[in-house]
């Protein structure tokens, strides 16, 4: 898979990051996600999957 392939839109990722309280850190780092822990990134993916599953069920 190409590194440029986005599986989660930027808007969704930012919305979830706000919910998890890490968006301010990303914004402070100039938009870099490099200082966000792997665990938090995993939580973002889990939340995105949860949202997608709810959308499919409707």
Protein backbone atom coordinates (compact mmCIF):
# COMPACT_ATOMS: atom_id res chain seq x y z
CA UNK A 1 0.00 0.00 0.00
CA UNK A 2 1.29 3.43 -0.89
CA UNK A 3 2.21 5.77 1.95
CA UNK A 4 0.02 8.45 0.37
CA UNK A 5 -3.14 6.36 0.66
CA UNK A 6 -5.45 7.85 3.27
CA UNK A 7 -7.72 5.40 5.00
CA UNK A 8 -9.20 8.01 7.34
CA UNK A 9 -10.04 11.50 6.16
CA UNK A 10 -8.15 14.34 7.79
CA UNK A 11 -11.40 15.81 9.11
CA UNK A 12 -12.44 12.56 10.79
CA UNK A 13 -8.97 11.98 12.23
CA UNK A 14 -8.88 15.52 13.64
CA UNK A 15 -12.40 15.19 15.08
CA UNK A 16 -11.49 11.97 16.86
CA UNK A 17 -8.19 13.45 18.06
CA UNK A 18 -10.17 16.31 19.61
CA UNK A 19 -12.44 13.79 21.37
CA UNK A 20 -9.39 11.96 22.72
CA UNK A 21 -7.71 15.20 23.77
CA UNK A 22 -4.59 14.95 21.58
CA UNK A 23 -5.42 17.39 18.79
CA UNK A 24 -3.87 20.33 20.63
CA UNK A 25 -0.57 18.43 20.76
CA UNK A 26 -0.71 17.76 17.01
CA UNK A 27 -1.59 21.39 16.30
CA UNK A 28 1.23 22.58 18.57
CA UNK A 29 3.66 20.32 16.68
CA UNK A 30 2.73 21.99 13.38
CA UNK A 31 0.35 19.25 12.26
CA UNK A 32 2.84 16.44 12.85
CA UNK A 33 1.46 13.23 14.29
CA UNK A 34 4.98 12.01 15.13
CA UNK A 35 4.67 12.73 18.86
CA UNK A 36 1.31 11.01 19.25
CA UNK A 37 1.72 7.62 20.91
CA UNK A 38 1.03 4.41 19.03
CA UNK A 39 -1.63 3.57 21.59
CA UNK A 40 -3.45 6.84 20.91
CA UNK A 41 -3.19 6.32 17.14
CA UNK A 42 -4.67 2.85 17.67
CA UNK A 43 -7.50 4.40 19.66
CA UNK A 44 -8.16 6.82 16.79
CA UNK A 45 -8.38 3.90 14.34
CA UNK A 46 -10.66 1.94 16.69
CA UNK A 47 -12.98 4.93 17.04
CA UNK A 48 -13.04 5.40 13.24
CA UNK A 49 -13.98 1.73 12.79
CA UNK A 50 -16.72 2.13 15.38
CA UNK A 51 -18.10 5.16 13.52
CA UNK A 52 -17.96 3.29 10.19
CA UNK A 53 -19.77 0.29 11.64
CA UNK A 54 -22.54 2.52 13.01
CA UNK A 55 -22.92 4.13 9.58
CA UNK A 56 -23.23 0.75 7.88
CA UNK A 57 -25.85 -0.42 10.37
CA UNK A 58 -28.12 2.55 9.59
